[in-house]
């Protein structure tokens, strides 16, 4: 499955938040991410990601292991994504290290997640802040089969327009790159 996604650095996050609140109630979440790679950065060079994420929402904590393959759409950075829930973070991190991967970068994302249906698709819109990066970002995503990716991206573009997000706000810059540059 491909994570069809647009990311935007918002010029008016308050207006976008208000439009999202008309569609869904927000859920506050904190993501603690560790990205892994080999010593010679083989995953990054191949445009792949291996991430261990802790998601904290209210009274719930979940651990997720995610592998993202190389982008299949250069304009948006949309990638095939494979994700599983894991029981415990530390043993999983040790397994990953035992396979030859080491932590490349760690970061924290604070998110307001809005889940809703548009154009018959389940969407997740997240307003994101990362302490080391200026601004508020919007991630708008859905999952699609490869043969449905164009249509899914078109549907996401329609929702972006309805939220008041213009093309000039879109970005494909990775948080990991921005955080690494800041540090």
C-alpha atoms as a PDB file:
ATOM      1  CA  UNK A   1       0.000   0.000   0.000  1.00  0.00           C
ATOM      2  CA  UNK A   2       1.225   3.491  -0.790  1.00  0.00           C
ATOM      3  CA  UNK A   3       0.959   6.359   1.639  1.00  0.00           C
ATOM      4  CA  UNK A   4      -0.381   9.078  -0.663  1.00  0.00           C
ATOM      5  CA  UNK A   5       0.595  12.260   1.115  1.00  0.00           C
ATOM      6  CA  UNK A   6       1.011  15.983   0.800  1.00  0.00           C
ATOM      7  CA  UNK A   7       2.924  18.076   3.299  1.00  0.00           C
ATOM      8  CA  UNK A   8       2.635  21.838   3.557  1.00  0.00           C
ATOM      9  CA  UNK A   9       4.265  24.511   5.681  1.00  0.00           C
ATOM     10  CA  UNK A  10       1.224  26.572   6.589  1.00  0.00           C
ATOM     11  CA  UNK A  11       1.010  30.331   6.275  1.00  0.00           C
ATOM     12  CA  UNK A  12      -2.241  30.482   8.301  1.00  0.00           C
ATOM     13  CA  UNK A  13      -2.426  27.449  10.609  1.00  0.00           C
ATOM     14  CA  UNK A  14      -5.350  28.919  12.575  1.00  0.00           C
ATOM     15  CA  UNK A  15      -7.572  29.072   9.500  1.00  0.00           C
ATOM     16  CA  UNK A  16      -6.649  25.514   8.472  1.00  0.00           C
ATOM     17  CA  UNK A  17      -7.284  24.252  12.026  1.00  0.00           C
ATOM     18  CA  UNK A  18     -10.732  25.899  12.019  1.00  0.00           C
ATOM     19  CA  UNK A  19     -11.624  24.224   8.697  1.00  0.00           C
ATOM     20  CA  UNK A  20     -10.383  20.853   9.976  1.00  0.00           C
ATOM     21  CA  UNK A  21     -12.431  21.232  13.174  1.00  0.00           C
ATOM     22  CA  UNK A  22     -15.537  21.492  10.968  1.00  0.00           C
ATOM     23  CA  UNK A  23     -14.715  17.974   9.688  1.00  0.00           C
ATOM     24  CA  UNK A  24     -13.505  16.174  12.812  1.00  0.00           C
ATOM     25  CA  UNK A  25     -12.484  16.507  16.440  1.00  0.00           C
ATOM     26  CA  UNK A  26      -8.722  16.665  16.920  1.00  0.00           C
ATOM     27  CA  UNK A  27      -6.740  14.074  18.820  1.00  0.00           C
ATOM     28  CA  UNK A  28      -3.550  15.314  20.465  1.00  0.00           C
ATOM     29  CA  UNK A  29      -0.553  13.047  19.948  1.00  0.00           C
ATOM     30  CA  UNK A  30       3.176  13.086  20.505  1.00  0.00           C
ATOM     31  CA  UNK A  31       5.374  10.996  18.219  1.00  0.00           C
ATOM     32  CA  UNK A  32       8.859  10.064  19.398  1.00  0.00           C
ATOM     33  CA  UNK A  33      10.695   8.863  16.290  1.00  0.00           C
ATOM     34  CA  UNK A  34      14.017   7.131  15.845  1.00  0.00           C
ATOM     35  CA  UNK A  35      15.183   6.685  12.261  1.00  0.00           C
ATOM     36  CA  UNK A  36      17.725   3.944  11.636  1.00  0.00           C
ATOM     37  CA  UNK A  37      20.259   3.485   8.862  1.00  0.00           C
ATOM     38  CA  UNK A  38      23.515   1.693   8.158  1.00  0.00           C
ATOM     39  CA  UNK A  39      26.855   3.339   8.937  1.00  0.00           C
ATOM     40  CA  UNK A  40      27.227   4.248   5.251  1.00  0.00           C
ATOM     41  CA  UNK A  41      23.636   5.630   5.012  1.00  0.00           C
ATOM     42  CA  UNK A  42      22.481   2.957   2.551  1.00  0.00           C
ATOM     43  CA  UNK A  43      18.775   3.501   3.338  1.00  0.00           C
ATOM     44  CA  UNK A  44      18.894   7.284   2.928  1.00  0.00           C
ATOM     45  CA  UNK A  45      20.834   6.948  -0.322  1.00  0.00           C
ATOM     46  CA  UNK A  46      18.131   4.606  -1.631  1.00  0.00           C
ATOM     47  CA  UNK A  47      15.351   7.004  -0.464  1.00  0.00           C
ATOM     48  CA  UNK A  48      14.166   4.448   2.115  1.00  0.00           C
ATOM     49  CA  UNK A  49      13.286   4.881   5.775  1.00  0.00           C
ATOM     50  CA  UNK A  50      13.287   2.567   8.786  1.00  0.00           C
ATOM     51  CA  UNK A  51      11.577   4.133  11.777  1.00  0.00           C
ATOM     52  CA  UNK A  52      10.681   3.104  15.298  1.00  0.00           C
ATOM     53  CA  UNK A  53       7.906   5.354  16.608  1.00  0.00           C
ATOM     54  CA  UNK A  54       6.325   5.762  20.017  1.00  0.00           C
ATOM     55  CA  UNK A  55       2.856   7.322  19.746  1.00  0.00           C
ATOM     56  CA  UNK A  56       1.435   8.875  22.918  1.00  0.00           C
ATOM     57  CA  UNK A  57      -2.253   9.879  22.893  1.00  0.00           C
ATOM     58  CA  UNK A  58      -4.126  10.570  26.117  1.00  0.00           C
ATOM     59  CA  UNK A  59      -3.611   7.473  28.262  1.00  0.00           C
ATOM     60  CA  UNK A  60      -2.432   5.242  25.396  1.00  0.00           C
ATOM     61  CA  UNK A  61       1.101   4.513  24.204  1.00  0.00           C
ATOM     62  CA  UNK A  62       1.800   2.452  21.063  1.00  0.00           C
ATOM     63  CA  UNK A  63       5.040   1.334  19.466  1.00  0.00           C
ATOM     64  CA  UNK A  64       5.210   1.113  15.661  1.00  0.00           C
ATOM     65  CA  UNK A  65       7.904  -0.135  13.318  1.00  0.00           C
ATOM     66  CA  UNK A  66       7.702   1.396   9.835  1.00  0.00           C
ATOM     67  CA  UNK A  67       9.582   0.773   6.614  1.00  0.00           C
ATOM     68  CA  UNK A  68       9.073   3.214   3.754  1.00  0.00           C
ATOM     69  CA  UNK A  69      10.364   2.240   0.338  1.00  0.00           C
ATOM     70  CA  UNK A  70      11.586   4.732  -2.268  1.00  0.00           C
ATOM     71  CA  UNK A  71       9.130   7.404  -3.417  1.00  0.00           C
ATOM     72  CA  UNK A  72       6.874   6.442  -6.305  1.00  0.00           C
ATOM     73  CA  UNK A  73       5.768  10.055  -6.871  1.00  0.00           C
ATOM     74  CA  UNK A  74       8.568  12.611  -6.857  1.00  0.00           C
ATOM     75  CA  UNK A  75       6.242  15.630  -6.698  1.00  0.00           C
ATOM     76  CA  UNK A  76       4.729  14.554  -3.372  1.00  0.00           C
ATOM     77  CA  UNK A  77       7.271  12.081  -1.997  1.00  0.00           C
ATOM     78  CA  UNK A  78       4.511   9.459  -1.634  1.00  0.00           C
ATOM     79  CA  UNK A  79       6.023   6.097  -0.728  1.00  0.00           C
ATOM     80  CA  UNK A  80       5.024   2.471  -0.235  1.00  0.00           C
ATOM     81  CA  UNK A  81       4.692   2.054   3.526  1.00  0.00           C
ATOM     82  CA  UNK A  82       4.732  -1.055   5.683  1.00  0.00           C
ATOM     83  CA  UNK A  83       3.927  -0.663   9.368  1.00  0.00           C
ATOM     84  CA  UNK A  84       3.429  -3.043  12.278  1.00  0.00           C
ATOM     85  CA  UNK A  85       2.715  -2.575  15.939  1.00  0.00           C
ATOM     86  CA  UNK A  86       5.422  -3.899  18.243  1.00  0.00           C
ATOM     87  CA  UNK A  87       5.085  -4.762  21.903  1.00  0.00           C
ATOM     88  CA  UNK A  88       8.099  -3.009  23.362  1.00  0.00           C
ATOM     89  CA  UNK A  89      10.376  -0.272  22.031  1.00  0.00           C
ATOM     90  CA  UNK A  90      13.722  -1.222  23.593  1.00  0.00           C
ATOM     91  CA  UNK A  91      13.808  -4.888  22.516  1.00  0.00           C
ATOM     92  CA  UNK A  92      12.780  -3.829  18.994  1.00  0.00           C
ATOM     93  CA  UNK A  93      15.568  -1.232  18.917  1.00  0.00           C
ATOM     94  CA  UNK A  94      18.026  -3.968  19.932  1.00  0.00           C
ATOM     95  CA  UNK A  95      16.770  -6.260  17.165  1.00  0.00           C
ATOM     96  CA  UNK A  96      17.211  -3.457  14.627  1.00  0.00           C
ATOM     97  CA  UNK A  97      20.754  -2.807  15.918  1.00  0.00           C
ATOM     98  CA  UNK A  98      21.503  -6.523  15.740  1.00  0.00           C
ATOM     99  CA  UNK A  99      20.559  -6.437  12.052  1.00  0.00           C
ATOM    100  CA  UNK A 100      23.209  -3.779  11.435  1.00  0.00           C
ATOM    101  CA  UNK A 101      21.204  -0.575  11.686  1.00  0.00           C
ATOM    102  CA  UNK A 102      22.020   2.259  14.042  1.00  0.00           C
ATOM    103  CA  UNK A 103      20.060   5.330  15.100  1.00  0.00           C
ATOM    104  CA  UNK A 104      20.594   8.017  12.468  1.00  0.00           C
ATOM    105  CA  UNK A 105      18.400  10.729  13.985  1.00  0.00           C
ATOM    106  CA  UNK A 106      15.735  11.105  16.658  1.00  0.00           C
ATOM    107  CA  UNK A 107      13.025  13.720  16.728  1.00  0.00           C
ATOM    108  CA  UNK A 108       9.718  14.538  18.370  1.00  0.00           C
ATOM    109  CA  UNK A 109       6.569  15.605  16.533  1.00  0.00           C
ATOM    110  CA  UNK A 110       3.597  17.149  18.301  1.00  0.00           C
ATOM    111  CA  UNK A 111       0.435  16.548  16.316  1.00  0.00           C
ATOM    112  CA  UNK A 112      -3.237  17.386  16.214  1.00  0.00           C
ATOM    113  CA  UNK A 113      -4.731  14.509  14.231  1.00  0.00           C
ATOM    114  CA  UNK A 114      -8.039  14.864  12.404  1.00  0.00           C
ATOM    115  CA  UNK A 115      -9.549  11.692  10.901  1.00  0.00           C
ATOM    116  CA  UNK A 116     -12.392  12.060   8.402  1.00  0.00           C
ATOM    117  CA  UNK A 117     -13.769  10.753   5.120  1.00  0.00           C
ATOM    118  CA  UNK A 118     -13.643  12.769   1.898  1.00  0.00           C
ATOM    119  CA  UNK A 119     -14.254  11.557  -1.666  1.00  0.00           C
ATOM    120  CA  UNK A 120     -14.965   8.129  -0.179  1.00  0.00           C
ATOM    121  CA  UNK A 121     -11.466   7.895   1.322  1.00  0.00           C
ATOM    122  CA  UNK A 122     -10.372   7.703   4.933  1.00  0.00           C
ATOM    123  CA  UNK A 123      -8.032  10.651   5.461  1.00  0.00           C
ATOM    124  CA  UNK A 124      -5.691  11.693   8.217  1.00  0.00           C
ATOM    125  CA  UNK A 125      -4.848  15.382   8.474  1.00  0.00           C
ATOM    126  CA  UNK A 126      -2.181  16.235  11.029  1.00  0.00           C
ATOM    127  CA  UNK A 127      -1.124  19.678  12.158  1.00  0.00           C
ATOM    128  CA  UNK A 128       2.499  19.136  13.110  1.00  0.00           C
ATOM    129  CA  UNK A 129       5.113  21.047  15.047  1.00  0.00           C
ATOM    130  CA  UNK A 130       8.686  19.875  15.514  1.00  0.00           C
ATOM    131  CA  UNK A 131      10.592  21.766  18.233  1.00  0.00           C
ATOM    132  CA  UNK A 132      13.734  22.305  16.108  1.00  0.00           C
ATOM    133  CA  UNK A 133      11.835  23.545  13.032  1.00  0.00           C
ATOM    134  CA  UNK A 134       9.989  26.839  12.691  1.00  0.00           C
ATOM    135  CA  UNK A 135       6.356  26.777  11.640  1.00  0.00           C
ATOM    136  CA  UNK A 136       3.313  24.538  11.609  1.00  0.00           C
ATOM    137  CA  UNK A 137       3.004  21.832   8.997  1.00  0.00           C
ATOM    138  CA  UNK A 138       0.012  20.003   7.581  1.00  0.00           C
ATOM    139  CA  UNK A 139       0.323  16.370   6.581  1.00  0.00           C
ATOM    140  CA  UNK A 140      -2.676  15.137   4.600  1.00  0.00           C
ATOM    141  CA  UNK A 141      -2.635  11.451   3.752  1.00  0.00           C
ATOM    142  CA  UNK A 142      -4.555   8.385   2.732  1.00  0.00           C
ATOM    143  CA  UNK A 143      -3.552   4.910   1.612  1.00  0.00           C
ATOM    144  CA  UNK A 144      -3.943   3.800  -1.979  1.00  0.00           C
ATOM    145  CA  UNK A 145      -3.003   0.946  -4.251  1.00  0.00           C
ATOM    146  CA  UNK A 146      -0.376   1.897  -6.843  1.00  0.00           C
ATOM    147  CA  UNK A 147      -2.930   1.891  -9.681  1.00  0.00           C
ATOM    148  CA  UNK A 148      -5.124   4.284  -7.619  1.00  0.00           C
ATOM    149  CA  UNK A 149      -2.353   6.702  -6.601  1.00  0.00           C
ATOM    150  CA  UNK A 150      -3.140   9.419  -9.185  1.00  0.00           C
ATOM    151  CA  UNK A 151      -6.820   9.494  -8.175  1.00  0.00           C
ATOM    152  CA  UNK A 152      -5.929   9.513  -4.474  1.00  0.00           C
ATOM    153  CA  UNK A 153      -3.551  12.439  -4.952  1.00  0.00           C
ATOM    154  CA  UNK A 154      -6.218  14.309  -6.923  1.00  0.00           C
ATOM    155  CA  UNK A 155      -8.680  13.764  -4.065  1.00  0.00           C
ATOM    156  CA  UNK A 156      -6.092  15.044  -1.580  1.00  0.00           C
ATOM    157  CA  UNK A 157      -5.496  18.134  -3.754  1.00  0.00           C
ATOM    158  CA  UNK A 158      -9.226  18.865  -3.626  1.00  0.00           C
ATOM    159  CA  UNK A 159      -9.222  18.646   0.182  1.00  0.00           C
ATOM    160  CA  UNK A 160      -6.122  20.854   0.383  1.00  0.00           C
ATOM    161  CA  UNK A 161      -7.938  23.467  -1.674  1.00  0.00           C
ATOM    162  CA  UNK A 162     -11.005  23.226   0.590  1.00  0.00           C
ATOM    163  CA  UNK A 163      -8.706  23.753   3.597  1.00  0.00           C
ATOM    164  CA  UNK A 164      -7.229  26.867   1.991  1.00  0.00           C
ATOM    165  CA  UNK A 165      -3.777  25.368   1.415  1.00  0.00           C
ATOM    166  CA  UNK A 166      -2.178  26.666  -1.776  1.00  0.00           C
ATOM    167  CA  UNK A 167       0.420  24.971  -3.971  1.00  0.00           C
ATOM    168  CA  UNK A 168       3.138  27.389  -2.842  1.00  0.00           C
ATOM    169  CA  UNK A 169       2.862  26.022   0.714  1.00  0.00           C
ATOM    170  CA  UNK A 170       3.588  22.416  -0.339  1.00  0.00           C
ATOM    171  CA  UNK A 171       6.943  20.863   0.493  1.00  0.00           C
ATOM    172  CA  UNK A 172       8.638  17.491   0.184  1.00  0.00           C
ATOM    173  CA  UNK A 173      11.406  18.330   2.651  1.00  0.00           C
ATOM    174  CA  UNK A 174      11.784  15.622   5.261  1.00  0.00           C
ATOM    175  CA  UNK A 175      11.634  16.524   8.957  1.00  0.00           C
ATOM    176  CA  UNK A 176      14.764  14.464   9.463  1.00  0.00           C
ATOM    177  CA  UNK A 177      16.687  16.631   6.987  1.00  0.00           C
ATOM    178  CA  UNK A 178      15.430  19.865   8.537  1.00  0.00           C
ATOM    179  CA  UNK A 179      16.241  18.697  12.063  1.00  0.00           C
ATOM    180  CA  UNK A 180      19.708  17.485  11.025  1.00  0.00           C
ATOM    181  CA  UNK A 181      20.410  20.856   9.396  1.00  0.00           C
ATOM    182  CA  UNK A 182      19.248  22.687  12.552  1.00  0.00           C
ATOM    183  CA  UNK A 183      21.483  20.591  14.791  1.00  0.00           C
END
